[in-house]
N, C-alpha and C. Protein backbone atom coordinates (compact mmCIF):
# COMPACT_ATOMS: atom_id res chain seq x y z
N UNK A 1 117.94 -162.26 54.52
CA UNK A 1 118.09 -163.23 53.44
C UNK A 1 119.56 -163.64 53.35
N UNK A 2 119.82 -164.94 53.46
CA UNK A 2 121.17 -165.48 53.36
C UNK A 2 121.21 -166.42 52.16
N UNK A 3 122.01 -166.05 51.18
CA UNK A 3 122.11 -166.83 49.94
C UNK A 3 123.36 -167.70 50.02
N UNK A 4 123.17 -169.00 49.81
CA UNK A 4 124.26 -169.98 49.88
C UNK A 4 124.27 -170.81 48.61
N UNK A 5 125.42 -171.41 48.35
CA UNK A 5 125.43 -172.42 47.31
C UNK A 5 124.92 -173.73 47.91
N UNK A 6 124.79 -174.73 47.08
CA UNK A 6 124.09 -175.96 47.50
C UNK A 6 125.05 -177.01 48.05
N UNK A 7 126.21 -176.62 48.52
CA UNK A 7 127.16 -177.60 49.06
C UNK A 7 126.67 -178.10 50.42
N UNK A 8 126.85 -179.40 50.66
CA UNK A 8 126.34 -179.99 51.89
C UNK A 8 127.00 -179.46 53.15
N UNK A 9 128.24 -178.99 53.06
CA UNK A 9 128.93 -178.49 54.25
C UNK A 9 128.38 -177.15 54.73
N UNK A 10 127.60 -176.47 53.89
CA UNK A 10 127.06 -175.17 54.28
C UNK A 10 125.69 -175.28 54.93
N UNK A 11 125.10 -176.44 54.88
CA UNK A 11 123.74 -176.62 55.40
C UNK A 11 123.78 -177.71 56.46
N UNK A 12 123.36 -177.38 57.64
CA UNK A 12 123.28 -178.35 58.73
C UNK A 12 122.02 -178.05 59.54
N UNK A 13 121.66 -178.99 60.39
CA UNK A 13 120.45 -178.81 61.20
C UNK A 13 120.62 -177.65 62.16
N UNK A 14 121.80 -177.52 62.76
CA UNK A 14 122.03 -176.43 63.71
C UNK A 14 121.97 -175.07 63.02
N UNK A 15 122.52 -174.99 61.79
CA UNK A 15 122.49 -173.72 61.07
C UNK A 15 121.07 -173.33 60.67
N UNK A 16 120.29 -174.30 60.19
CA UNK A 16 118.90 -174.00 59.81
C UNK A 16 118.08 -173.59 61.03
N UNK A 17 118.30 -174.26 62.15
CA UNK A 17 117.56 -173.91 63.38
C UNK A 17 117.94 -172.52 63.87
N UNK A 18 119.19 -172.17 63.77
CA UNK A 18 119.62 -170.83 64.19
C UNK A 18 119.00 -169.76 63.31
N UNK A 19 118.98 -170.00 62.00
CA UNK A 19 118.40 -169.01 61.09
C UNK A 19 116.91 -168.83 61.32
N UNK A 20 116.21 -169.91 61.60
CA UNK A 20 114.77 -169.79 61.86
C UNK A 20 114.50 -169.02 63.14
N UNK A 21 115.31 -169.26 64.15
CA UNK A 21 115.08 -168.56 65.43
C UNK A 21 115.43 -167.09 65.34
N UNK A 22 116.21 -166.69 64.37
CA UNK A 22 116.59 -165.28 64.21
C UNK A 22 115.97 -164.67 62.95
N UNK A 23 114.93 -165.31 62.41
CA UNK A 23 114.18 -164.78 61.25
C UNK A 23 115.09 -164.52 60.05
N UNK A 24 115.97 -165.46 59.80
CA UNK A 24 116.86 -165.38 58.63
C UNK A 24 116.38 -166.39 57.60
N UNK A 25 116.09 -165.90 56.41
CA UNK A 25 115.66 -166.77 55.33
C UNK A 25 116.88 -167.32 54.59
N UNK A 26 116.86 -168.63 54.38
CA UNK A 26 117.95 -169.29 53.65
C UNK A 26 117.52 -169.53 52.20
N UNK A 27 118.40 -169.20 51.30
CA UNK A 27 118.16 -169.43 49.87
C UNK A 27 119.40 -170.10 49.29
N UNK A 28 119.23 -171.33 48.81
CA UNK A 28 120.34 -172.06 48.21
C UNK A 28 120.23 -172.00 46.69
N UNK A 29 121.33 -171.82 46.05
CA UNK A 29 121.37 -171.75 44.59
C UNK A 29 121.36 -173.15 44.00
N UNK A 30 120.77 -173.34 42.83
CA UNK A 30 120.78 -174.66 42.19
C UNK A 30 122.20 -175.12 41.89
N UNK A 31 122.41 -176.42 41.79
CA UNK A 31 123.76 -176.90 41.48
C UNK A 31 124.23 -176.44 40.10
N UNK A 32 125.53 -176.22 40.00
CA UNK A 32 126.21 -175.87 38.73
C UNK A 32 125.72 -174.54 38.15
N UNK A 33 125.26 -173.62 39.01
CA UNK A 33 124.83 -172.30 38.53
C UNK A 33 125.53 -171.17 39.26
N UNK A 34 126.49 -171.46 40.12
CA UNK A 34 127.12 -170.39 40.90
C UNK A 34 127.91 -169.44 40.00
N UNK A 35 128.40 -169.90 38.86
CA UNK A 35 129.13 -169.01 37.97
C UNK A 35 128.21 -167.98 37.31
N UNK A 36 126.89 -168.17 37.44
CA UNK A 36 125.93 -167.22 36.89
C UNK A 36 125.14 -166.49 37.97
N UNK A 37 124.93 -167.13 39.11
CA UNK A 37 124.05 -166.57 40.13
C UNK A 37 124.78 -166.09 41.38
N UNK A 38 125.98 -166.51 41.62
CA UNK A 38 126.66 -166.10 42.85
C UNK A 38 127.40 -164.79 42.61
N UNK A 39 127.09 -163.73 43.34
CA UNK A 39 127.75 -162.44 43.10
C UNK A 39 129.27 -162.50 43.27
N UNK A 40 129.75 -163.35 44.19
CA UNK A 40 131.21 -163.45 44.36
C UNK A 40 131.88 -163.96 43.09
N UNK A 41 131.28 -164.97 42.47
CA UNK A 41 131.87 -165.52 41.24
C UNK A 41 131.78 -164.55 40.08
N UNK A 42 130.71 -163.77 40.04
CA UNK A 42 130.46 -162.92 38.87
C UNK A 42 131.30 -161.65 38.92
N UNK A 43 131.39 -161.00 40.10
CA UNK A 43 131.99 -159.66 40.14
C UNK A 43 133.13 -159.49 41.14
N UNK A 44 133.43 -160.47 41.96
CA UNK A 44 134.44 -160.23 43.00
C UNK A 44 135.71 -161.06 42.81
N UNK A 45 135.56 -162.33 42.52
CA UNK A 45 136.74 -163.18 42.46
C UNK A 45 137.69 -162.78 41.32
N UNK A 46 137.15 -162.29 40.23
CA UNK A 46 138.01 -161.86 39.13
C UNK A 46 138.92 -160.71 39.51
N UNK A 47 138.40 -159.59 40.04
CA UNK A 47 139.29 -158.51 40.49
C UNK A 47 140.23 -158.93 41.61
N UNK A 48 139.77 -159.83 42.50
CA UNK A 48 140.64 -160.27 43.58
C UNK A 48 141.85 -161.04 43.04
N UNK A 49 141.64 -161.92 42.07
CA UNK A 49 142.76 -162.65 41.48
C UNK A 49 143.72 -161.70 40.77
N UNK A 50 143.19 -160.70 40.10
CA UNK A 50 144.04 -159.76 39.38
C UNK A 50 144.90 -158.95 40.35
N UNK A 51 144.30 -158.48 41.45
CA UNK A 51 145.05 -157.71 42.44
C UNK A 51 146.10 -158.58 43.13
N UNK A 52 145.74 -159.82 43.42
CA UNK A 52 146.69 -160.72 44.08
C UNK A 52 147.90 -161.00 43.19
N UNK A 53 147.67 -161.14 41.89
CA UNK A 53 148.79 -161.34 40.96
C UNK A 53 149.69 -160.11 40.91
N UNK A 54 149.09 -158.92 40.96
CA UNK A 54 149.90 -157.70 40.94
C UNK A 54 150.80 -157.60 42.17
N UNK A 55 150.25 -157.95 43.32
CA UNK A 55 151.06 -157.87 44.54
C UNK A 55 152.13 -158.96 44.59
N UNK A 56 151.89 -160.10 43.97
CA UNK A 56 152.93 -161.11 43.89
C UNK A 56 154.10 -160.63 43.02
N UNK A 57 153.79 -159.99 41.92
CA UNK A 57 154.85 -159.44 41.06
C UNK A 57 155.66 -158.39 41.83
N UNK A 58 154.98 -157.57 42.60
CA UNK A 58 155.67 -156.56 43.40
C UNK A 58 156.56 -157.20 44.46
N UNK A 59 156.07 -158.30 45.03
CA UNK A 59 156.87 -159.02 46.03
C UNK A 59 158.16 -159.57 45.41
N UNK A 60 158.06 -160.17 44.24
CA UNK A 60 159.24 -160.72 43.58
C UNK A 60 160.27 -159.63 43.27
N UNK A 61 159.80 -158.47 42.85
CA UNK A 61 160.74 -157.39 42.51
C UNK A 61 161.42 -156.81 43.75
N UNK A 62 160.75 -156.83 44.88
CA UNK A 62 161.33 -156.26 46.10
C UNK A 62 162.17 -157.25 46.89
N UNK A 63 162.02 -158.54 46.66
CA UNK A 63 162.73 -159.55 47.45
C UNK A 63 163.64 -160.40 46.56
N UNK A 64 164.19 -159.79 45.53
CA UNK A 64 165.18 -160.44 44.67
C UNK A 64 164.67 -161.77 44.10
N UNK A 65 163.42 -161.75 43.69
CA UNK A 65 162.79 -162.88 42.99
C UNK A 65 162.84 -164.18 43.80
N UNK A 66 162.68 -164.07 45.07
CA UNK A 66 162.57 -165.26 45.93
C UNK A 66 161.10 -165.57 46.17
N UNK A 67 160.77 -166.84 46.23
CA UNK A 67 159.38 -167.23 46.46
C UNK A 67 158.94 -166.85 47.87
N UNK A 68 157.71 -166.35 48.01
CA UNK A 68 157.24 -166.02 49.36
C UNK A 68 157.02 -167.26 50.20
N UNK A 69 157.24 -167.14 51.47
CA UNK A 69 157.01 -168.24 52.40
C UNK A 69 155.53 -168.30 52.76
N UNK A 70 155.17 -169.37 53.44
CA UNK A 70 153.76 -169.56 53.76
C UNK A 70 153.26 -168.47 54.71
N UNK A 71 154.13 -167.96 55.56
CA UNK A 71 153.70 -166.91 56.49
C UNK A 71 153.61 -165.55 55.81
N UNK A 72 154.13 -165.42 54.59
CA UNK A 72 154.02 -164.16 53.86
C UNK A 72 152.73 -164.06 53.04
N UNK A 73 152.06 -165.18 52.81
CA UNK A 73 150.86 -165.17 51.96
C UNK A 73 149.74 -164.33 52.56
N UNK A 74 149.40 -164.43 53.87
CA UNK A 74 148.31 -163.60 54.40
C UNK A 74 148.54 -162.10 54.23
N UNK A 75 149.78 -161.66 54.38
CA UNK A 75 150.04 -160.22 54.22
C UNK A 75 149.83 -159.78 52.77
N UNK A 76 150.27 -160.61 51.82
CA UNK A 76 150.06 -160.26 50.41
C UNK A 76 148.58 -160.28 50.07
N UNK A 77 147.85 -161.28 50.59
CA UNK A 77 146.42 -161.38 50.29
C UNK A 77 145.64 -160.22 50.91
N UNK A 78 146.10 -159.73 52.04
CA UNK A 78 145.39 -158.63 52.70
C UNK A 78 145.35 -157.39 51.81
N UNK A 79 146.49 -157.05 51.21
CA UNK A 79 146.52 -155.87 50.34
C UNK A 79 145.61 -156.06 49.12
N UNK A 80 145.61 -157.28 48.55
CA UNK A 80 144.75 -157.54 47.39
C UNK A 80 143.28 -157.48 47.77
N UNK A 81 142.92 -158.01 48.94
CA UNK A 81 141.52 -158.02 49.36
C UNK A 81 141.01 -156.61 49.62
N UNK A 82 141.82 -155.78 50.24
CA UNK A 82 141.39 -154.40 50.53
C UNK A 82 141.15 -153.63 49.23
N UNK A 83 141.98 -153.86 48.23
CA UNK A 83 141.79 -153.15 46.97
C UNK A 83 140.59 -153.67 46.18
N UNK A 84 140.27 -154.96 46.29
CA UNK A 84 139.18 -155.54 45.49
C UNK A 84 137.83 -155.44 46.17
N UNK A 85 137.78 -155.46 47.50
CA UNK A 85 136.50 -155.48 48.22
C UNK A 85 135.96 -154.06 48.35
N UNK A 86 135.32 -153.60 47.30
CA UNK A 86 134.71 -152.28 47.28
C UNK A 86 133.19 -152.43 47.38
N UNK A 87 132.50 -151.48 48.02
CA UNK A 87 131.03 -151.59 48.10
C UNK A 87 130.36 -151.63 46.73
N UNK A 88 130.87 -150.85 45.79
CA UNK A 88 130.23 -150.85 44.47
C UNK A 88 130.42 -152.20 43.77
N UNK A 89 131.49 -152.92 44.09
CA UNK A 89 131.67 -154.25 43.50
C UNK A 89 130.60 -155.21 43.98
N UNK A 90 130.26 -155.15 45.27
CA UNK A 90 129.21 -156.02 45.80
C UNK A 90 127.85 -155.68 45.21
N UNK A 91 127.56 -154.39 45.07
CA UNK A 91 126.27 -153.99 44.50
C UNK A 91 126.16 -154.44 43.05
N UNK A 92 127.22 -154.27 42.30
CA UNK A 92 127.19 -154.69 40.90
C UNK A 92 127.03 -156.20 40.76
N UNK A 93 127.57 -156.96 41.73
CA UNK A 93 127.41 -158.41 41.68
C UNK A 93 125.96 -158.84 41.82
N UNK A 94 125.23 -158.24 42.74
CA UNK A 94 123.81 -158.58 42.89
C UNK A 94 122.99 -158.09 41.71
N UNK A 95 123.37 -156.94 41.16
CA UNK A 95 122.60 -156.41 40.04
C UNK A 95 122.83 -157.23 38.77
N UNK A 96 124.05 -157.65 38.53
CA UNK A 96 124.35 -158.39 37.30
C UNK A 96 123.75 -159.78 37.31
N UNK A 97 123.69 -160.42 38.48
CA UNK A 97 123.08 -161.74 38.54
C UNK A 97 121.56 -161.71 38.54
N UNK A 98 120.95 -160.54 38.75
CA UNK A 98 119.50 -160.44 38.77
C UNK A 98 118.87 -160.84 40.09
N UNK A 99 119.68 -161.00 41.16
CA UNK A 99 119.11 -161.36 42.46
C UNK A 99 118.44 -160.17 43.13
N UNK A 100 119.04 -159.00 42.96
CA UNK A 100 118.47 -157.79 43.57
C UNK A 100 118.94 -156.59 42.75
N UNK A 101 118.01 -155.81 42.33
CA UNK A 101 116.58 -156.04 42.28
C UNK A 101 116.29 -157.27 41.43
N UNK A 102 115.23 -157.99 41.83
CA UNK A 102 114.92 -159.25 41.16
C UNK A 102 114.61 -158.98 39.69
N UNK A 103 115.40 -159.58 38.82
CA UNK A 103 115.28 -159.33 37.39
C UNK A 103 115.64 -160.61 36.65
N UNK A 104 114.66 -161.18 35.97
CA UNK A 104 114.89 -162.39 35.19
C UNK A 104 115.15 -162.10 33.72
N UNK A 105 115.18 -160.84 33.34
CA UNK A 105 115.38 -160.48 31.94
C UNK A 105 116.79 -159.97 31.68
N UNK A 106 117.71 -160.33 32.53
CA UNK A 106 119.09 -159.94 32.29
C UNK A 106 119.64 -160.72 31.10
N UNK A 107 120.74 -160.25 30.58
CA UNK A 107 121.32 -160.92 29.42
C UNK A 107 121.79 -162.32 29.71
N UNK A 108 122.10 -162.62 30.99
CA UNK A 108 122.59 -163.95 31.33
C UNK A 108 121.48 -164.98 31.29
N UNK A 109 120.23 -164.56 31.57
CA UNK A 109 119.13 -165.52 31.69
C UNK A 109 118.04 -165.29 30.65
N UNK A 110 118.31 -164.52 29.63
CA UNK A 110 117.33 -164.32 28.58
C UNK A 110 117.17 -165.56 27.72
N UNK A 111 116.12 -165.59 26.89
CA UNK A 111 115.93 -166.76 26.02
C UNK A 111 117.01 -166.84 24.96
N UNK A 112 117.24 -168.03 24.54
CA UNK A 112 118.22 -168.26 23.49
C UNK A 112 117.72 -167.64 22.19
N UNK A 113 118.63 -167.07 21.42
CA UNK A 113 118.21 -166.41 20.18
C UNK A 113 117.73 -167.40 19.14
N UNK A 114 118.05 -168.68 19.30
CA UNK A 114 117.59 -169.69 18.35
C UNK A 114 116.25 -170.30 18.77
N UNK A 115 115.67 -169.82 19.87
CA UNK A 115 114.40 -170.37 20.35
C UNK A 115 113.25 -169.63 19.70
N UNK A 116 112.25 -170.33 19.25
CA UNK A 116 111.05 -169.71 18.70
C UNK A 116 109.84 -170.47 19.21
N UNK A 117 108.68 -169.84 19.14
CA UNK A 117 107.48 -170.39 19.75
C UNK A 117 107.03 -171.69 19.11
N UNK A 118 107.36 -171.91 17.85
CA UNK A 118 106.87 -173.10 17.16
C UNK A 118 107.45 -174.38 17.74
N UNK A 119 108.53 -174.29 18.51
CA UNK A 119 109.10 -175.50 19.09
C UNK A 119 108.18 -176.12 20.12
N UNK A 120 107.33 -175.29 20.75
CA UNK A 120 106.50 -175.78 21.85
C UNK A 120 105.05 -175.96 21.44
N UNK A 121 104.75 -175.89 20.17
CA UNK A 121 103.38 -176.08 19.69
C UNK A 121 103.17 -177.53 19.34
N UNK A 122 101.99 -178.04 19.67
CA UNK A 122 101.69 -179.44 19.41
C UNK A 122 101.74 -179.70 17.91
N UNK A 123 102.23 -180.86 17.55
CA UNK A 123 102.33 -181.19 16.13
C UNK A 123 100.95 -181.34 15.49
N UNK A 124 99.93 -181.69 16.29
CA UNK A 124 98.60 -181.90 15.73
C UNK A 124 97.84 -180.59 15.53
N UNK A 125 98.36 -179.47 16.01
CA UNK A 125 97.64 -178.21 15.86
C UNK A 125 97.70 -177.74 14.42
N UNK A 126 96.76 -176.85 14.08
CA UNK A 126 96.70 -176.34 12.71
C UNK A 126 97.88 -175.43 12.44
N UNK A 127 98.44 -175.54 11.27
CA UNK A 127 99.59 -174.71 10.93
C UNK A 127 99.22 -173.24 10.82
N UNK A 128 97.92 -172.94 10.62
CA UNK A 128 97.53 -171.54 10.50
C UNK A 128 97.64 -170.80 11.83
N UNK A 129 97.62 -171.53 12.94
CA UNK A 129 97.70 -170.88 14.24
C UNK A 129 99.12 -170.52 14.64
N UNK A 130 100.08 -170.91 13.83
CA UNK A 130 101.46 -170.61 14.17
C UNK A 130 101.72 -169.12 13.99
N UNK A 131 102.61 -168.57 14.80
CA UNK A 131 102.92 -167.15 14.64
C UNK A 131 103.59 -166.89 13.31
N UNK A 132 103.31 -165.71 12.73
CA UNK A 132 103.94 -165.41 11.43
C UNK A 132 105.45 -165.26 11.59
N UNK A 133 106.13 -165.68 10.58
CA UNK A 133 107.58 -165.56 10.59
C UNK A 133 108.30 -166.72 11.19
N UNK A 134 107.56 -167.66 11.83
CA UNK A 134 108.23 -168.82 12.42
C UNK A 134 108.53 -169.83 11.33
N UNK A 135 109.63 -170.56 11.49
CA UNK A 135 109.98 -171.53 10.42
C UNK A 135 108.94 -172.60 10.22
N UNK A 136 108.23 -173.00 11.34
CA UNK A 136 107.24 -174.04 11.18
C UNK A 136 105.98 -173.54 10.50
N UNK A 137 105.70 -172.19 10.57
CA UNK A 137 104.48 -171.65 9.98
C UNK A 137 104.60 -171.34 8.50
N UNK A 138 105.78 -171.33 7.99
CA UNK A 138 105.97 -171.02 6.58
C UNK A 138 105.84 -172.27 5.74
N UNK A 139 105.04 -172.18 4.68
CA UNK A 139 104.87 -173.32 3.77
C UNK A 139 105.64 -173.02 2.51
N UNK A 140 106.24 -173.99 1.94
CA UNK A 140 107.02 -173.74 0.72
C UNK A 140 106.09 -173.39 -0.44
N UNK A 141 106.51 -172.55 -1.36
CA UNK A 141 105.67 -172.19 -2.52
C UNK A 141 105.40 -173.41 -3.39
N UNK A 142 104.16 -173.35 -3.98
CA UNK A 142 103.76 -174.47 -4.85
C UNK A 142 104.61 -174.43 -6.12
N UNK A 143 105.28 -175.45 -6.35
CA UNK A 143 106.10 -175.55 -7.56
C UNK A 143 106.15 -177.00 -7.97
N UNK A 144 106.05 -177.26 -9.27
CA UNK A 144 106.11 -178.67 -9.71
C UNK A 144 107.46 -179.25 -9.38
N UNK A 145 107.46 -180.52 -9.09
CA UNK A 145 108.76 -181.14 -8.79
C UNK A 145 109.67 -181.11 -10.00
N UNK A 146 110.86 -180.81 -9.72
CA UNK A 146 111.84 -180.72 -10.79
C UNK A 146 112.23 -182.11 -11.26
N UNK A 147 112.19 -182.28 -12.57
CA UNK A 147 112.60 -183.56 -13.15
C UNK A 147 113.97 -183.37 -13.78
N UNK A 148 114.77 -184.35 -13.74
CA UNK A 148 116.10 -184.19 -14.35
C UNK A 148 115.98 -183.99 -15.86
N UNK A 149 116.83 -183.19 -16.44
CA UNK A 149 116.77 -182.94 -17.90
C UNK A 149 116.95 -184.23 -18.67
N UNK A 150 116.04 -184.37 -19.67
CA UNK A 150 116.08 -185.58 -20.49
C UNK A 150 116.98 -185.33 -21.69
N UNK A 151 117.74 -186.28 -22.02
CA UNK A 151 118.63 -186.17 -23.18
C UNK A 151 118.52 -187.46 -23.97
N UNK A 152 118.52 -187.37 -25.32
CA UNK A 152 118.41 -188.61 -26.12
C UNK A 152 119.58 -189.52 -25.85
N UNK A 153 119.22 -190.78 -25.81
CA UNK A 153 120.28 -191.76 -25.54
C UNK A 153 121.24 -191.80 -26.71
N UNK A 154 122.46 -191.67 -26.39
CA UNK A 154 123.48 -191.69 -27.43
C UNK A 154 123.80 -193.13 -27.81
N UNK A 155 123.70 -193.42 -29.13
CA UNK A 155 124.00 -194.77 -29.61
C UNK A 155 125.41 -194.76 -30.17
N UNK A 156 126.13 -195.79 -29.98
CA UNK A 156 127.50 -195.82 -30.52
C UNK A 156 127.48 -195.85 -32.04
N UNK A 157 128.46 -195.31 -32.70
CA UNK A 157 128.49 -195.31 -34.19
C UNK A 157 128.56 -196.74 -34.72
N UNK A 158 127.84 -196.88 -35.88
CA UNK A 158 127.80 -198.21 -36.50
C UNK A 158 129.16 -198.51 -37.11
N UNK A 159 129.76 -199.54 -36.69
CA UNK A 159 131.05 -199.97 -37.24
C UNK A 159 131.12 -201.47 -37.12
N UNK A 160 131.63 -202.13 -38.18
CA UNK A 160 131.71 -203.60 -38.10
C UNK A 160 132.67 -204.01 -37.00
N UNK A 161 132.32 -205.06 -36.34
CA UNK A 161 133.22 -205.51 -35.27
C UNK A 161 134.54 -205.98 -35.85
N UNK A 162 135.54 -205.60 -35.20
CA UNK A 162 136.87 -205.98 -35.64
C UNK A 162 137.15 -207.42 -35.24
N UNK A 163 137.60 -208.23 -36.26
CA UNK A 163 137.94 -209.62 -35.98
C UNK A 163 139.44 -209.73 -35.80
N UNK A 164 139.86 -210.51 -34.92
CA UNK A 164 141.30 -210.64 -34.72
C UNK A 164 141.96 -211.30 -35.91
N UNK A 165 143.20 -211.02 -36.20
CA UNK A 165 143.89 -211.65 -37.36
C UNK A 165 143.99 -213.16 -37.16
N UNK A 166 143.87 -213.86 -38.36
CA UNK A 166 143.94 -215.32 -38.30
C UNK A 166 145.34 -215.77 -37.95
N UNK A 167 145.43 -216.55 -36.99
CA UNK A 167 146.73 -217.09 -36.57
C UNK A 167 146.49 -218.49 -36.06
N UNK A 168 147.44 -219.40 -36.32
CA UNK A 168 147.24 -220.78 -35.83
C UNK A 168 147.16 -220.80 -34.32
N UNK A 169 146.31 -221.64 -33.84
CA UNK A 169 146.19 -221.69 -32.37
C UNK A 169 147.48 -222.14 -31.75
N UNK A 170 147.79 -221.51 -30.73
CA UNK A 170 149.00 -221.86 -30.02
C UNK A 170 148.74 -223.07 -29.13
N UNK A 171 149.64 -224.03 -29.24
CA UNK A 171 149.51 -225.21 -28.38
C UNK A 171 150.08 -224.89 -27.02
N UNK A 172 149.47 -225.40 -26.03
CA UNK A 172 149.99 -225.11 -24.69
C UNK A 172 151.34 -225.76 -24.50
N UNK A 173 152.16 -225.16 -23.74
CA UNK A 173 153.50 -225.75 -23.51
C UNK A 173 153.39 -227.09 -22.82
N UNK A 174 154.30 -227.97 -23.17
CA UNK A 174 154.33 -229.32 -22.59
C UNK A 174 155.21 -229.29 -21.36
N UNK A 175 154.55 -229.47 -20.23
CA UNK A 175 155.26 -229.47 -18.96
C UNK A 175 155.51 -230.87 -18.43
N UNK A 176 155.37 -231.94 -19.33
CA UNK A 176 155.61 -233.32 -18.87
C UNK A 176 157.10 -233.52 -18.65
N UNK A 177 157.46 -234.36 -17.72
CA UNK A 177 158.91 -234.57 -17.46
C UNK A 177 159.60 -235.18 -18.68
N UNK A 178 160.77 -234.67 -18.96
CA UNK A 178 161.53 -235.12 -20.13
C UNK A 178 162.25 -236.45 -19.82
N UNK A 179 162.14 -237.36 -20.80
CA UNK A 179 162.83 -238.66 -20.64
C UNK A 179 164.21 -238.58 -21.28
N UNK A 180 165.18 -239.21 -20.71
CA UNK A 180 166.53 -239.14 -21.31
C UNK A 180 166.54 -239.79 -22.70
N UNK A 181 167.45 -239.39 -23.57
CA UNK A 181 167.50 -239.97 -24.94
C UNK A 181 167.88 -241.45 -24.90
N UNK A 182 167.15 -242.20 -25.72
CA UNK A 182 167.38 -243.67 -25.77
C UNK A 182 168.44 -244.00 -26.81
N UNK A 183 169.34 -244.90 -26.50
CA UNK A 183 170.40 -245.36 -27.44
C UNK A 183 170.48 -246.89 -27.37
N UNK A 184 170.82 -247.55 -28.46
CA UNK A 184 170.87 -249.02 -28.44
C UNK A 184 171.94 -249.51 -27.48
N UNK A 185 171.68 -250.60 -26.80
CA UNK A 185 172.70 -251.12 -25.86
C UNK A 185 173.96 -251.57 -26.59
N UNK A 186 175.05 -251.19 -26.06
CA UNK A 186 176.34 -251.53 -26.67
C UNK A 186 176.81 -252.91 -26.17
N UNK A 187 177.18 -253.78 -27.14
CA UNK A 187 177.69 -255.13 -26.78
C UNK A 187 179.21 -255.07 -26.66
N UNK A 188 179.76 -255.78 -25.75
CA UNK A 188 181.23 -255.74 -25.61
C UNK A 188 181.88 -256.33 -26.86
N UNK A 189 183.07 -255.87 -27.18
CA UNK A 189 183.74 -256.38 -28.41
C UNK A 189 184.06 -257.88 -28.29
N UNK A 190 183.85 -258.60 -29.38
CA UNK A 190 184.11 -260.07 -29.41
C UNK A 190 185.53 -260.34 -29.90
N UNK A 191 186.19 -261.25 -29.26
CA UNK A 191 187.57 -261.66 -29.66
C UNK A 191 187.66 -263.18 -29.64
N UNK A 192 188.44 -263.81 -30.55
CA UNK A 192 188.52 -265.28 -30.57
C UNK A 192 189.13 -265.81 -29.28
N UNK A 193 188.65 -266.92 -28.84
CA UNK A 193 189.21 -267.46 -27.59
C UNK A 193 190.67 -267.83 -27.78
N UNK A 194 191.43 -267.54 -26.78
CA UNK A 194 192.86 -267.82 -26.82
C UNK A 194 193.12 -269.32 -26.44
N UNK A 195 193.95 -269.98 -27.25
CA UNK A 195 194.34 -271.38 -26.93
C UNK A 195 195.68 -271.34 -26.22
N UNK A 196 195.85 -272.20 -25.31
CA UNK A 196 197.14 -272.19 -24.61
C UNK A 196 198.27 -272.55 -25.58
N UNK A 197 199.43 -272.05 -25.36
CA UNK A 197 200.55 -272.32 -26.30
C UNK A 197 200.92 -273.83 -26.31
N UNK A 198 201.21 -274.30 -27.48
CA UNK A 198 201.58 -275.73 -27.64
C UNK A 198 203.09 -275.88 -27.64
N UNK A 199 203.55 -276.86 -27.02
CA UNK A 199 205.01 -277.17 -26.97
C UNK A 199 205.20 -278.67 -27.15
N UNK A 200 206.28 -279.10 -27.77
CA UNK A 200 206.46 -280.55 -27.97
C UNK A 200 206.62 -281.26 -26.63
N UNK A 201 206.13 -282.45 -26.59
CA UNK A 201 206.25 -283.18 -25.32
C UNK A 201 207.70 -283.50 -25.02
N UNK A 202 208.01 -283.35 -23.78
CA UNK A 202 209.37 -283.63 -23.32
C UNK A 202 209.52 -285.14 -23.06
N UNK A 203 210.64 -285.64 -23.53
CA UNK A 203 210.94 -287.06 -23.22
C UNK A 203 211.70 -287.11 -21.91
N UNK A 204 211.50 -288.14 -21.20
CA UNK A 204 212.21 -288.23 -19.93
C UNK A 204 213.69 -288.36 -20.17
N UNK A 205 214.43 -287.88 -19.27
CA UNK A 205 215.90 -287.97 -19.44
C UNK A 205 216.38 -289.43 -19.44
N UNK A 206 217.39 -289.66 -20.19
CA UNK A 206 217.94 -291.00 -20.32
C UNK A 206 219.17 -291.08 -19.43
N UNK A 207 219.06 -291.82 -18.36
CA UNK A 207 220.18 -292.02 -17.44
C UNK A 207 220.81 -293.38 -17.73
N UNK A 208 222.13 -293.49 -17.82
CA UNK A 208 222.77 -294.83 -18.05
C UNK A 208 222.57 -295.72 -16.84
N UNK A 209 222.44 -296.94 -17.05
CA UNK A 209 222.24 -297.92 -16.01
C UNK A 209 223.57 -298.44 -15.56
């Protein structure tokens, strides 16, 4: 039995033909379920990451806090893999996912605690057939509908209406344009006409002949 995830790169015609010729059964996991069904994801990758982080810290302390080069990564990963890849880790991964021994009642795949049988019962079925204790099977106790408390309508106290004090009506302000004050036209002062000055007539000069 070979268990694979459902990625297309893991399944090819040549691989399926090889497995059939060697009596190997292929089992692919449903999409988006590897975090629950794949033993590597459930029980192996977590310890591997933790061990790898520990060896990186050790590397920094021994090499004066210099970053490891690309050729140093395989050596660091080797120590982490040897510490994490234990036989009991692999066995626990298959047991926790319920793949082997086959177990569908593990805590990961049990029914939701909010699920009850009444969700799957036809609405037309009799309510008496519902299991006891289910929310749909319980009927509310008979009780008259509650009416809001009645209270006598409060009437305002009898009092004569107050009349406003008598005052002359106010005339609206006059916003018409103001005309300038009128005054009688002033006539220029009258004076008697001046006569030209009178002088006695001059006699012509008398020249001796």
